[in-house]
Amino acid sequence: MKETDKLRELEQRIDELEQQLEHFEKFHSDHLNENDVRVVVDKILMEKKIASQEEIDSKIYQSHLQLIKWIIGTGISIGAAILGMFQFF
């Protein structure tokens, strides 16, 4: 009898923990959706009218181009460094 009582108690605790976990997951997913960085930045820009959507898109495009150039340049530099190391051997 004692073992079955312990088993029931453990099952109840597991159920409670699962319910708490579901609650936490739901709370955090809602919280993250509301505070998405892009949404917050868009709200601030629209409220303050700092920049138009075209200017924002242009800056994002320029940033992407710079990132791509940097990645390509880094890849070429690493390739040159590796080839240089092979020449010594």
C-alpha atoms as a PDB file:
ATOM      1  CA  MET A   1       0.000   0.000   0.000  1.00  0.00           C
ATOM      2  CA  LYS A   2       2.726   2.433   0.820  1.00  0.00           C
ATOM      3  CA  GLU A   3       4.384   1.965  -2.530  1.00  0.00           C
ATOM      4  CA  THR A   4       1.181   2.671  -4.416  1.00  0.00           C
ATOM      5  CA  ASP A   5       0.648   5.824  -2.327  1.00  0.00           C
ATOM      6  CA  LYS A   6       4.178   6.949  -3.114  1.00  0.00           C
ATOM      7  CA  LEU A   7       3.603   6.203  -6.778  1.00  0.00           C
ATOM      8  CA  ARG A   8       0.382   8.238  -6.815  1.00  0.00           C
ATOM      9  CA  GLU A   9       2.108  11.096  -5.028  1.00  0.00           C
ATOM     10  CA  LEU A  10       4.920  11.046  -7.593  1.00  0.00           C
ATOM     11  CA  GLU A  11       2.406  11.001 -10.458  1.00  0.00           C
ATOM     12  CA  GLN A  12       0.624  13.999  -8.966  1.00  0.00           C
ATOM     13  CA  ARG A  13       3.899  15.868  -8.626  1.00  0.00           C
ATOM     14  CA  ILE A  14       4.790  15.059 -12.223  1.00  0.00           C
ATOM     15  CA  ASP A  15       1.395  16.320 -13.388  1.00  0.00           C
ATOM     16  CA  GLU A  16       1.842  19.537 -11.414  1.00  0.00           C
ATOM     17  CA  LEU A  17       5.316  20.059 -12.836  1.00  0.00           C
ATOM     18  CA  GLU A  18       4.078  19.460 -16.388  1.00  0.00           C
ATOM     19  CA  GLN A  19       1.311  22.022 -15.880  1.00  0.00           C
ATOM     20  CA  GLN A  20       3.800  24.545 -14.509  1.00  0.00           C
ATOM     21  CA  LEU A  21       6.112  23.898 -17.462  1.00  0.00           C
ATOM     22  CA  GLU A  22       3.285  24.464 -19.941  1.00  0.00           C
ATOM     23  CA  HIS A  23       2.393  27.697 -18.167  1.00  0.00           C
ATOM     24  CA  PHE A  24       6.006  28.927 -18.255  1.00  0.00           C
ATOM     25  CA  GLU A  25       6.417  28.020 -21.928  1.00  0.00           C
ATOM     26  CA  LYS A  26       3.202  29.803 -22.850  1.00  0.00           C
ATOM     27  CA  PHE A  27       4.154  32.876 -20.834  1.00  0.00           C
ATOM     28  CA  HIS A  28       7.651  33.100 -22.306  1.00  0.00           C
ATOM     29  CA  SER A  29       6.555  32.510 -25.892  1.00  0.00           C
ATOM     30  CA  ASP A  30       3.927  35.260 -25.568  1.00  0.00           C
ATOM     31  CA  HIS A  31       6.471  37.539 -23.938  1.00  0.00           C
ATOM     32  CA  LEU A  32       9.045  36.971 -26.685  1.00  0.00           C
ATOM     33  CA  ASN A  33       6.506  37.527 -29.447  1.00  0.00           C
ATOM     34  CA  GLU A  34       5.446  40.863 -27.967  1.00  0.00           C
ATOM     35  CA  ASN A  35       8.994  42.102 -27.421  1.00  0.00           C
ATOM     36  CA  ASP A  36      10.505  41.065 -30.717  1.00  0.00           C
ATOM     37  CA  VAL A  37      13.365  43.439 -31.483  1.00  0.00           C
ATOM     38  CA  ARG A  38      12.194  44.204 -34.989  1.00  0.00           C
ATOM     39  CA  VAL A  39       8.697  45.051 -33.778  1.00  0.00           C
ATOM     40  CA  VAL A  40      10.045  47.344 -31.073  1.00  0.00           C
ATOM     41  CA  VAL A  41      12.382  49.134 -33.485  1.00  0.00           C
ATOM     42  CA  ASP A  42       9.601  49.540 -36.040  1.00  0.00           C
ATOM     43  CA  LYS A  43       7.284  50.970 -33.400  1.00  0.00           C
ATOM     44  CA  ILE A  44       9.894  53.466 -32.234  1.00  0.00           C
ATOM     45  CA  LEU A  45      10.727  54.549 -35.779  1.00  0.00           C
ATOM     46  CA  MET A  46       7.082  54.966 -36.706  1.00  0.00           C
ATOM     47  CA  GLU A  47       6.273  56.896 -33.530  1.00  0.00           C
ATOM     48  CA  LYS A  48       9.234  59.236 -33.785  1.00  0.00           C
ATOM     49  CA  LYS A  49       9.111  59.437 -37.605  1.00  0.00           C
ATOM     50  CA  ILE A  50      12.904  59.310 -37.653  1.00  0.00           C
ATOM     51  CA  ALA A  51      13.131  57.503 -40.975  1.00  0.00           C
ATOM     52  CA  SER A  52      10.820  56.342 -43.717  1.00  0.00           C
ATOM     53  CA  GLN A  53      10.409  52.685 -44.604  1.00  0.00           C
ATOM     54  CA  GLU A  54      12.416  53.229 -47.799  1.00  0.00           C
ATOM     55  CA  GLU A  55      15.342  54.669 -45.837  1.00  0.00           C
ATOM     56  CA  ILE A  56      15.232  51.759 -43.412  1.00  0.00           C
ATOM     57  CA  ASP A  57      15.150  49.239 -46.270  1.00  0.00           C
ATOM     58  CA  SER A  58      18.051  51.031 -47.953  1.00  0.00           C
ATOM     59  CA  LYS A  59      20.162  50.913 -44.775  1.00  0.00           C
ATOM     60  CA  ILE A  60      19.376  47.224 -44.274  1.00  0.00           C
ATOM     61  CA  TYR A  61      20.337  46.502 -47.895  1.00  0.00           C
ATOM     62  CA  GLN A  62      23.619  48.403 -47.486  1.00  0.00           C
ATOM     63  CA  SER A  63      24.352  46.514 -44.270  1.00  0.00           C
ATOM     64  CA  HIS A  64      23.717  43.194 -46.001  1.00  0.00           C
ATOM     65  CA  LEU A  65      26.070  44.150 -48.832  1.00  0.00           C
ATOM     66  CA  GLN A  66      28.791  45.145 -46.371  1.00  0.00           C
ATOM     67  CA  LEU A  67      28.345  41.860 -44.519  1.00  0.00           C
ATOM     68  CA  ILE A  68      28.616  39.855 -47.735  1.00  0.00           C
ATOM     69  CA  LYS A  69      31.739  41.770 -48.780  1.00  0.00           C
ATOM     70  CA  TRP A  70      33.283  41.195 -45.364  1.00  0.00           C
ATOM     71  CA  ILE A  71      32.541  37.458 -45.495  1.00  0.00           C
ATOM     72  CA  ILE A  72      34.025  37.143 -48.991  1.00  0.00           C
ATOM     73  CA  GLY A  73      37.089  39.169 -47.991  1.00  0.00           C
ATOM     74  CA  THR A  74      37.600  37.067 -44.881  1.00  0.00           C
ATOM     75  CA  GLY A  75      37.290  33.873 -46.926  1.00  0.00           C
ATOM     76  CA  ILE A  76      39.879  35.100 -49.432  1.00  0.00           C
ATOM     77  CA  SER A  77      42.236  36.143 -46.616  1.00  0.00           C
ATOM     78  CA  ILE A  78      41.940  32.771 -44.903  1.00  0.00           C
ATOM     79  CA  GLY A  79      42.519  30.998 -48.217  1.00  0.00           C
ATOM     80  CA  ALA A  80      45.622  33.107 -48.886  1.00  0.00           C
ATOM     81  CA  ALA A  81      46.928  32.443 -45.378  1.00  0.00           C
ATOM     82  CA  ILE A  82      46.459  28.697 -45.791  1.00  0.00           C
ATOM     83  CA  LEU A  83      48.187  28.723 -49.194  1.00  0.00           C
ATOM     84  CA  GLY A  84      51.017  30.756 -47.692  1.00  0.00           C
ATOM     85  CA  MET A  85      51.434  28.208 -44.915  1.00  0.00           C
ATOM     86  CA  PHE A  86      51.618  25.360 -47.469  1.00  0.00           C
ATOM     87  CA  GLN A  87      54.396  27.155 -49.341  1.00  0.00           C
ATOM     88  CA  PHE A  88      56.594  27.009 -46.246  1.00  0.00           C
ATOM     89  CA  PHE A  89      56.252  23.233 -46.072  1.00  0.00           C
END
